[in-house]
Amino acid sequence: MSSLPALSQIGNATLCLLLHPHIASDIDVSDPLLRQPDQDVQLFSKVWRYFHKYPEKNTGNLLGNWNNSENYDAILYLLNHPDAHTKSKISNAKQEVRDVIERMEENLGRNASSQRLKNQGNETIKDNDSRTELRQWMEQMRKKKRP
């Protein structure tokens, strides 16, 4: 029997939502994150939106509504993944999902800052807010490079 590859952070967060749909109503997700083009993030966004909009629904309802969609197989994959057994026992699934969202939103912020600085060059560094943003971004990059 071949073992499946480990789930990504966003795959784990989606699995937590599938196994604990009630937590979607307690979690806020920013619009920029929900609009990311990454396929795994899109699946997470769709699952979160479904359970956020229909807090009384469960994963069985979602599968029934989506049985002819392109997301159906991806959801079945997650639910049948070996990690599903351990995620079903996690009492802090909500915090795990929040942590993943926070990390992804931090990455979005760094990417936006980096892109803005690249596009506008030194002109952006003339005001105090831009200098502060640049210092914070550089400090985050230094922390990431440390072992």
N, C-alpha and C. Protein backbone atom coordinates (compact mmCIF):
# COMPACT_ATOMS: atom_id res chain seq x y z
N MET A 1 0.85 -1.18 0.00
CA MET A 1 0.00 0.00 0.00
C MET A 1 0.89 1.25 0.00
N SER A 2 0.68 2.13 -0.95
CA SER A 2 1.49 3.35 -1.02
C SER A 2 0.90 4.40 -0.09
N SER A 3 1.79 5.15 0.55
CA SER A 3 1.29 6.18 1.45
C SER A 3 1.08 7.47 0.65
N LEU A 4 0.06 8.18 1.06
CA LEU A 4 -0.25 9.44 0.39
C LEU A 4 0.68 10.54 0.91
N PRO A 5 0.97 11.53 0.06
CA PRO A 5 1.80 12.63 0.55
C PRO A 5 1.07 13.41 1.65
N ALA A 6 1.85 14.03 2.52
CA ALA A 6 1.26 14.84 3.59
C ALA A 6 0.47 15.98 2.99
N LEU A 7 -0.56 16.38 3.68
CA LEU A 7 -1.38 17.49 3.22
C LEU A 7 -0.65 18.81 3.45
N SER A 8 -0.91 19.76 2.58
CA SER A 8 -0.38 21.11 2.75
C SER A 8 -1.09 21.78 3.93
N GLN A 9 -0.60 22.92 4.34
CA GLN A 9 -1.25 23.66 5.43
C GLN A 9 -2.70 23.99 5.07
N ILE A 10 -2.91 24.44 3.85
CA ILE A 10 -4.27 24.80 3.44
C ILE A 10 -5.13 23.54 3.30
N GLY A 11 -4.53 22.43 2.89
CA GLY A 11 -5.26 21.16 2.84
C GLY A 11 -5.70 20.73 4.23
N ASN A 12 -4.81 20.89 5.21
CA ASN A 12 -5.16 20.59 6.60
C ASN A 12 -6.27 21.50 7.10
N ALA A 13 -6.20 22.78 6.76
CA ALA A 13 -7.24 23.72 7.19
C ALA A 13 -8.59 23.35 6.56
N THR A 14 -8.58 22.97 5.30
CA THR A 14 -9.82 22.56 4.62
C THR A 14 -10.36 21.30 5.27
N LEU A 15 -9.49 20.36 5.57
CA LEU A 15 -9.92 19.13 6.23
C LEU A 15 -10.53 19.43 7.59
N CYS A 16 -9.94 20.35 8.34
CA CYS A 16 -10.51 20.74 9.64
C CYS A 16 -11.92 21.29 9.47
N LEU A 17 -12.12 22.11 8.44
CA LEU A 17 -13.47 22.64 8.18
C LEU A 17 -14.45 21.53 7.82
N LEU A 18 -13.99 20.58 7.01
CA LEU A 18 -14.87 19.47 6.62
C LEU A 18 -15.25 18.61 7.81
N LEU A 19 -14.32 18.41 8.72
CA LEU A 19 -14.58 17.58 9.89
C LEU A 19 -15.27 18.33 11.03
N HIS A 20 -15.13 19.65 11.02
CA HIS A 20 -15.72 20.49 12.08
C HIS A 20 -16.39 21.70 11.43
N PRO A 21 -17.45 21.50 10.64
CA PRO A 21 -18.04 22.61 9.87
C PRO A 21 -18.53 23.77 10.73
N HIS A 22 -18.87 23.51 11.97
CA HIS A 22 -19.38 24.57 12.84
C HIS A 22 -18.36 25.68 13.10
N ILE A 23 -17.07 25.39 12.92
CA ILE A 23 -16.07 26.42 13.22
C ILE A 23 -16.02 27.51 12.15
N ALA A 24 -16.59 27.26 10.98
CA ALA A 24 -16.55 28.26 9.90
C ALA A 24 -17.21 29.56 10.33
N SER A 25 -18.26 29.48 11.12
CA SER A 25 -18.95 30.71 11.52
C SER A 25 -18.15 31.53 12.53
N ASP A 26 -17.15 30.90 13.16
CA ASP A 26 -16.32 31.61 14.14
C ASP A 26 -15.01 32.13 13.56
N ILE A 27 -14.81 31.91 12.26
CA ILE A 27 -13.54 32.26 11.63
C ILE A 27 -13.78 33.30 10.55
N ASP A 28 -12.97 34.35 10.57
CA ASP A 28 -13.05 35.37 9.53
C ASP A 28 -11.91 35.13 8.53
N VAL A 29 -12.25 35.26 7.26
CA VAL A 29 -11.26 35.11 6.19
C VAL A 29 -11.34 36.36 5.33
N SER A 30 -10.21 36.98 5.06
CA SER A 30 -10.20 38.23 4.28
C SER A 30 -10.52 37.97 2.82
N ASP A 31 -11.12 38.96 2.19
CA ASP A 31 -11.43 38.86 0.76
C ASP A 31 -10.20 38.59 -0.11
N PRO A 32 -9.06 39.28 0.14
CA PRO A 32 -7.89 38.98 -0.69
C PRO A 32 -7.48 37.50 -0.62
N LEU A 33 -7.60 36.91 0.55
CA LEU A 33 -7.25 35.50 0.68
C LEU A 33 -8.26 34.63 -0.06
N LEU A 34 -9.53 34.95 0.07
CA LEU A 34 -10.57 34.17 -0.61
C LEU A 34 -10.45 34.23 -2.12
N ARG A 35 -9.83 35.29 -2.64
CA ARG A 35 -9.72 35.46 -4.10
C ARG A 35 -8.41 34.93 -4.68
N GLN A 36 -7.60 34.27 -3.89
CA GLN A 36 -6.32 33.75 -4.40
C GLN A 36 -6.57 32.70 -5.48
N PRO A 37 -5.77 32.70 -6.53
CA PRO A 37 -5.99 31.78 -7.65
C PRO A 37 -5.55 30.34 -7.38
N ASP A 38 -4.76 30.11 -6.32
CA ASP A 38 -4.28 28.77 -6.02
C ASP A 38 -5.46 27.80 -5.84
N GLN A 39 -5.38 26.64 -6.47
CA GLN A 39 -6.48 25.67 -6.47
C GLN A 39 -6.84 25.20 -5.06
N ASP A 40 -5.84 24.95 -4.22
CA ASP A 40 -6.12 24.51 -2.85
C ASP A 40 -6.78 25.62 -2.03
N VAL A 41 -6.34 26.85 -2.23
CA VAL A 41 -6.94 27.98 -1.52
C VAL A 41 -8.38 28.17 -2.00
N GLN A 42 -8.62 27.98 -3.29
CA GLN A 42 -9.98 28.09 -3.82
C GLN A 42 -10.91 27.05 -3.20
N LEU A 43 -10.42 25.82 -3.04
CA LEU A 43 -11.23 24.79 -2.41
C LEU A 43 -11.53 25.17 -0.96
N PHE A 44 -10.51 25.62 -0.24
CA PHE A 44 -10.72 26.09 1.13
C PHE A 44 -11.77 27.20 1.16
N SER A 45 -11.64 28.16 0.26
CA SER A 45 -12.57 29.30 0.21
C SER A 45 -14.00 28.83 -0.03
N LYS A 46 -14.18 27.90 -0.95
CA LYS A 46 -15.53 27.41 -1.26
C LYS A 46 -16.13 26.65 -0.08
N VAL A 47 -15.31 25.83 0.57
CA VAL A 47 -15.80 25.08 1.73
C VAL A 47 -16.14 26.06 2.85
N TRP A 48 -15.25 27.02 3.12
CA TRP A 48 -15.51 28.00 4.18
C TRP A 48 -16.78 28.79 3.89
N ARG A 49 -16.91 29.27 2.65
CA ARG A 49 -18.10 30.05 2.29
C ARG A 49 -19.38 29.24 2.49
N TYR A 50 -19.35 27.97 2.08
CA TYR A 50 -20.53 27.12 2.21
C TYR A 50 -20.95 27.00 3.68
N PHE A 51 -20.01 26.64 4.54
CA PHE A 51 -20.35 26.45 5.95
C PHE A 51 -20.59 27.77 6.67
N HIS A 52 -19.98 28.84 6.19
CA HIS A 52 -20.23 30.15 6.78
C HIS A 52 -21.65 30.62 6.42
N LYS A 53 -22.06 30.35 5.20
CA LYS A 53 -23.40 30.75 4.74
C LYS A 53 -24.50 29.85 5.32
N TYR A 54 -24.17 28.56 5.48
CA TYR A 54 -25.14 27.58 5.98
C TYR A 54 -24.61 26.91 7.24
N PRO A 55 -24.61 27.62 8.37
CA PRO A 55 -24.01 27.06 9.58
C PRO A 55 -24.71 25.80 10.10
N GLU A 56 -25.93 25.58 9.68
CA GLU A 56 -26.66 24.40 10.13
C GLU A 56 -26.33 23.16 9.30
N LYS A 57 -25.59 23.33 8.22
CA LYS A 57 -25.26 22.22 7.31
C LYS A 57 -24.03 21.48 7.81
N ASN A 58 -23.87 20.24 7.31
CA ASN A 58 -22.69 19.45 7.64
C ASN A 58 -22.02 18.97 6.36
N THR A 59 -20.97 18.20 6.49
CA THR A 59 -20.21 17.76 5.33
C THR A 59 -21.04 16.86 4.41
N GLY A 60 -21.95 16.08 4.99
CA GLY A 60 -22.85 15.27 4.17
C GLY A 60 -23.71 16.14 3.26
N ASN A 61 -24.21 17.24 3.80
CA ASN A 61 -24.98 18.19 2.99
C ASN A 61 -24.14 18.77 1.87
N LEU A 62 -22.91 19.16 2.21
CA LEU A 62 -22.01 19.73 1.20
C LEU A 62 -21.75 18.71 0.09
N LEU A 63 -21.46 17.48 0.45
CA LEU A 63 -21.21 16.45 -0.57
C LEU A 63 -22.45 16.21 -1.43
N GLY A 64 -23.61 16.22 -0.81
CA GLY A 64 -24.84 16.05 -1.58
C GLY A 64 -25.07 17.18 -2.57
N ASN A 65 -24.75 18.40 -2.15
CA ASN A 65 -24.93 19.55 -3.04
C ASN A 65 -23.86 19.63 -4.12
N TRP A 66 -22.68 19.10 -3.83
CA TRP A 66 -21.55 19.24 -4.75
C TRP A 66 -21.20 17.95 -5.48
N ASN A 67 -22.07 16.94 -5.46
CA ASN A 67 -21.68 15.63 -6.00
C ASN A 67 -21.37 15.64 -7.49
N ASN A 68 -21.75 16.66 -8.21
CA ASN A 68 -21.41 16.75 -9.63
C ASN A 68 -20.42 17.88 -9.92
N SER A 69 -19.81 18.41 -8.89
CA SER A 69 -18.89 19.54 -9.11
C SER A 69 -17.46 19.04 -9.20
N GLU A 70 -16.60 19.93 -9.67
CA GLU A 70 -15.18 19.58 -9.79
C GLU A 70 -14.52 19.44 -8.41
N ASN A 71 -15.16 19.96 -7.39
CA ASN A 71 -14.59 19.91 -6.04
C ASN A 71 -14.88 18.61 -5.30
N TYR A 72 -15.82 17.84 -5.81
CA TYR A 72 -16.26 16.63 -5.12
C TYR A 72 -15.10 15.66 -4.89
N ASP A 73 -14.33 15.37 -5.92
CA ASP A 73 -13.22 14.43 -5.79
C ASP A 73 -12.14 14.95 -4.83
N ALA A 74 -11.90 16.24 -4.87
CA ALA A 74 -10.90 16.83 -3.97
C ALA A 74 -11.35 16.69 -2.51
N ILE A 75 -12.63 16.87 -2.26
CA ILE A 75 -13.16 16.74 -0.90
C ILE A 75 -13.08 15.28 -0.44
N LEU A 76 -13.45 14.37 -1.33
CA LEU A 76 -13.34 12.94 -0.98
C LEU A 76 -11.89 12.57 -0.69
N TYR A 77 -10.96 13.10 -1.47
CA TYR A 77 -9.54 12.84 -1.24
C TYR A 77 -9.15 13.27 0.18
N LEU A 78 -9.56 14.49 0.56
CA LEU A 78 -9.23 14.99 1.89
C LEU A 78 -9.86 14.13 2.98
N LEU A 79 -11.13 13.80 2.81
CA LEU A 79 -11.83 13.02 3.83
C LEU A 79 -11.27 11.60 3.97
N ASN A 80 -10.71 11.06 2.91
CA ASN A 80 -10.15 9.71 2.95
C ASN A 80 -8.65 9.69 3.22
N HIS A 81 -8.06 10.86 3.36
CA HIS A 81 -6.62 10.96 3.63
C HIS A 81 -6.34 10.43 5.04
N PRO A 82 -5.20 9.76 5.24
CA PRO A 82 -4.86 9.27 6.59
C PRO A 82 -4.87 10.36 7.67
N ASP A 83 -4.58 11.60 7.29
CA ASP A 83 -4.59 12.69 8.27
C ASP A 83 -5.99 12.97 8.82
N ALA A 84 -7.02 12.53 8.11
CA ALA A 84 -8.39 12.79 8.55
C ALA A 84 -8.65 12.15 9.91
N HIS A 85 -8.03 11.02 10.15
CA HIS A 85 -8.23 10.34 11.43
C HIS A 85 -7.71 11.21 12.59
N THR A 86 -6.54 11.81 12.41
CA THR A 86 -5.99 12.62 13.49
C THR A 86 -6.71 13.96 13.60
N LYS A 87 -7.14 14.51 12.48
CA LYS A 87 -7.84 15.81 12.52
C LYS A 87 -9.20 15.69 13.17
N SER A 88 -9.82 14.51 13.07
CA SER A 88 -11.14 14.35 13.67
C SER A 88 -11.07 14.42 15.18
N LYS A 89 -9.88 14.21 15.75
CA LYS A 89 -9.72 14.23 17.20
C LYS A 89 -9.19 15.56 17.72
N ILE A 90 -8.87 16.45 16.86
CA ILE A 90 -8.28 17.72 17.30
C ILE A 90 -9.36 18.58 17.95
N SER A 91 -9.10 18.93 19.19
CA SER A 91 -10.07 19.77 19.89
C SER A 91 -9.85 21.24 19.56
N ASN A 92 -8.69 21.56 19.00
CA ASN A 92 -8.40 22.96 18.68
C ASN A 92 -8.36 23.19 17.17
N ALA A 93 -9.26 22.54 16.44
CA ALA A 93 -9.30 22.69 14.98
C ALA A 93 -9.48 24.15 14.58
N LYS A 94 -10.28 24.88 15.35
CA LYS A 94 -10.52 26.29 15.04
C LYS A 94 -9.21 27.07 15.07
N GLN A 95 -8.39 26.83 16.08
CA GLN A 95 -7.12 27.54 16.17
C GLN A 95 -6.18 27.14 15.05
N GLU A 96 -6.19 25.87 14.67
CA GLU A 96 -5.34 25.41 13.57
C GLU A 96 -5.71 26.13 12.28
N VAL A 97 -7.00 26.25 12.01
CA VAL A 97 -7.45 26.95 10.80
C VAL A 97 -7.07 28.42 10.87
N ARG A 98 -7.28 29.04 12.03
CA ARG A 98 -6.91 30.45 12.19
C ARG A 98 -5.42 30.66 11.96
N ASP A 99 -4.59 29.75 12.47
CA ASP A 99 -3.14 29.88 12.29
C ASP A 99 -2.76 29.83 10.82
N VAL A 100 -3.38 28.92 10.07
CA VAL A 100 -3.10 28.81 8.63
C VAL A 100 -3.53 30.09 7.92
N ILE A 101 -4.71 30.59 8.24
CA ILE A 101 -5.21 31.82 7.62
C ILE A 101 -4.27 32.98 7.94
N GLU A 102 -3.84 33.06 9.19
CA GLU A 102 -2.94 34.15 9.59
C GLU A 102 -1.63 34.09 8.81
N ARG A 103 -1.04 32.91 8.69
CA ARG A 103 0.22 32.77 7.94
C ARG A 103 0.02 33.16 6.47
N MET A 104 -1.08 32.73 5.89
CA MET A 104 -1.34 33.04 4.48
C MET A 104 -1.57 34.53 4.29
N GLU A 105 -2.28 35.16 5.21
CA GLU A 105 -2.53 36.60 5.10
C GLU A 105 -1.24 37.39 5.31
N GLU A 106 -0.36 36.92 6.19
CA GLU A 106 0.94 37.57 6.35
C GLU A 106 1.73 37.50 5.05
N ASN A 107 1.71 36.34 4.41
CA ASN A 107 2.39 36.20 3.13
C ASN A 107 1.81 37.13 2.08
N LEU A 108 0.47 37.25 2.07
CA LEU A 108 -0.17 38.17 1.12
C LEU A 108 0.29 39.60 1.37
N GLY A 109 0.37 39.98 2.65
CA GLY A 109 0.81 41.34 2.99
C GLY A 109 2.25 41.59 2.57
N ARG A 110 3.12 40.61 2.83
CA ARG A 110 4.52 40.76 2.42
C ARG A 110 4.63 40.85 0.91
N ASN A 111 3.88 40.00 0.22
CA ASN A 111 3.93 40.02 -1.25
C ASN A 111 3.43 41.35 -1.79
N ALA A 112 2.36 41.88 -1.20
CA ALA A 112 1.82 43.17 -1.66
C ALA A 112 2.82 44.28 -1.39
N SER A 113 3.46 44.27 -0.21
CA SER A 113 4.46 45.30 0.11
C SER A 113 5.63 45.21 -0.85
N SER A 114 6.10 44.02 -1.07
CA SER A 114 7.22 43.81 -1.98
C SER A 114 6.89 44.31 -3.38
N GLN A 115 5.71 43.95 -3.86
CA GLN A 115 5.32 44.36 -5.21
C GLN A 115 5.18 45.87 -5.31
N ARG A 116 4.59 46.48 -4.28
CA ARG A 116 4.43 47.93 -4.29
C ARG A 116 5.80 48.61 -4.31
N LEU A 117 6.73 48.12 -3.51
CA LEU A 117 8.07 48.72 -3.49
C LEU A 117 8.78 48.52 -4.81
N LYS A 118 8.61 47.35 -5.43
CA LYS A 118 9.22 47.11 -6.74
C LYS A 118 8.64 48.03 -7.80
N ASN A 119 7.33 48.20 -7.77
CA ASN A 119 6.66 49.01 -8.80
C ASN A 119 6.95 50.50 -8.64
N GLN A 120 7.03 50.98 -7.42
CA GLN A 120 7.15 52.41 -7.20
C GLN A 120 8.58 52.85 -6.90
N GLY A 121 9.46 51.90 -6.61
CA GLY A 121 10.86 52.23 -6.38
C GLY A 121 11.07 53.14 -5.20
N ASN A 122 12.10 53.95 -5.26
CA ASN A 122 12.48 54.81 -4.15
C ASN A 122 11.46 55.90 -3.85
N GLU A 123 10.58 56.17 -4.78
CA GLU A 123 9.57 57.22 -4.54
C GLU A 123 8.70 56.87 -3.33
N THR A 124 8.49 55.57 -3.06
CA THR A 124 7.62 55.18 -1.95
C THR A 124 8.28 55.37 -0.60
N ILE A 125 9.57 55.54 -0.57
CA ILE A 125 10.29 55.58 0.71
C ILE A 125 10.37 57.01 1.25
N LYS A 126 9.78 57.96 0.57
CA LYS A 126 9.85 59.35 1.01
C LYS A 126 8.91 59.65 2.18
N ASP A 127 7.84 58.87 2.35
CA ASP A 127 6.94 59.17 3.47
C ASP A 127 7.18 58.19 4.62
N ASN A 128 6.81 58.60 5.82
CA ASN A 128 7.08 57.82 7.03
C ASN A 128 6.38 56.46 7.01
N ASP A 129 5.15 56.41 6.54
CA ASP A 129 4.43 55.14 6.51
C ASP A 129 5.15 54.12 5.64
N SER A 130 5.64 54.54 4.50
CA SER A 130 6.35 53.63 3.61
C SER A 130 7.66 53.16 4.22
N ARG A 131 8.36 54.07 4.91
CA ARG A 131 9.61 53.67 5.56
C ARG A 131 9.33 52.63 6.66
N THR A 132 8.28 52.87 7.43
CA THR A 132 7.91 51.92 8.48
C THR A 132 7.53 50.57 7.89
N GLU A 133 6.75 50.61 6.82
CA GLU A 133 6.35 49.36 6.16
C GLU A 133 7.57 48.61 5.63
N LEU A 134 8.51 49.33 5.03
CA LEU A 134 9.71 48.71 4.50
C LEU A 134 10.54 48.08 5.62
N ARG A 135 10.69 48.79 6.75
CA ARG A 135 11.44 48.25 7.87
C ARG A 135 10.79 46.97 8.41
N GLN A 136 9.47 47.00 8.54
CA GLN A 136 8.75 45.82 9.04
C GLN A 136 8.91 44.64 8.08
N TRP A 137 8.79 44.91 6.82
CA TRP A 137 8.91 43.86 5.81
C TRP A 137 10.31 43.26 5.84
N MET A 138 11.32 44.13 5.92
CA MET A 138 12.70 43.64 5.95
C MET A 138 12.96 42.82 7.21
N GLU A 139 12.42 43.24 8.35
CA GLU A 139 12.58 42.48 9.59
C GLU A 139 11.91 41.11 9.47
N GLN A 140 10.75 41.05 8.86
CA GLN A 140 10.08 39.76 8.65
C GLN A 140 10.92 38.85 7.77
N MET A 141 11.52 39.42 6.74
CA MET A 141 12.35 38.63 5.84
C MET A 141 13.58 38.11 6.58
N ARG A 142 14.18 38.93 7.45
CA ARG A 142 15.34 38.49 8.23
C ARG A 142 14.96 37.33 9.15
N LYS A 143 13.80 37.42 9.80
CA LYS A 143 13.34 36.36 10.69
C LYS A 143 13.12 35.06 9.95
N LYS A 144 12.60 35.15 8.73
CA LYS A 144 12.35 33.95 7.94
C LYS A 144 13.64 33.26 7.56
N LYS A 145 14.72 34.02 7.35
CA LYS A 145 15.99 33.45 6.90
C LYS A 145 16.77 32.81 8.04
N ARG A 146 16.46 33.19 9.28
CA ARG A 146 17.18 32.63 10.43
C ARG A 146 16.76 31.17 10.62
N PRO A 147 17.70 30.32 11.04
CA PRO A 147 17.37 28.90 11.27
C PRO A 147 16.46 28.68 12.46
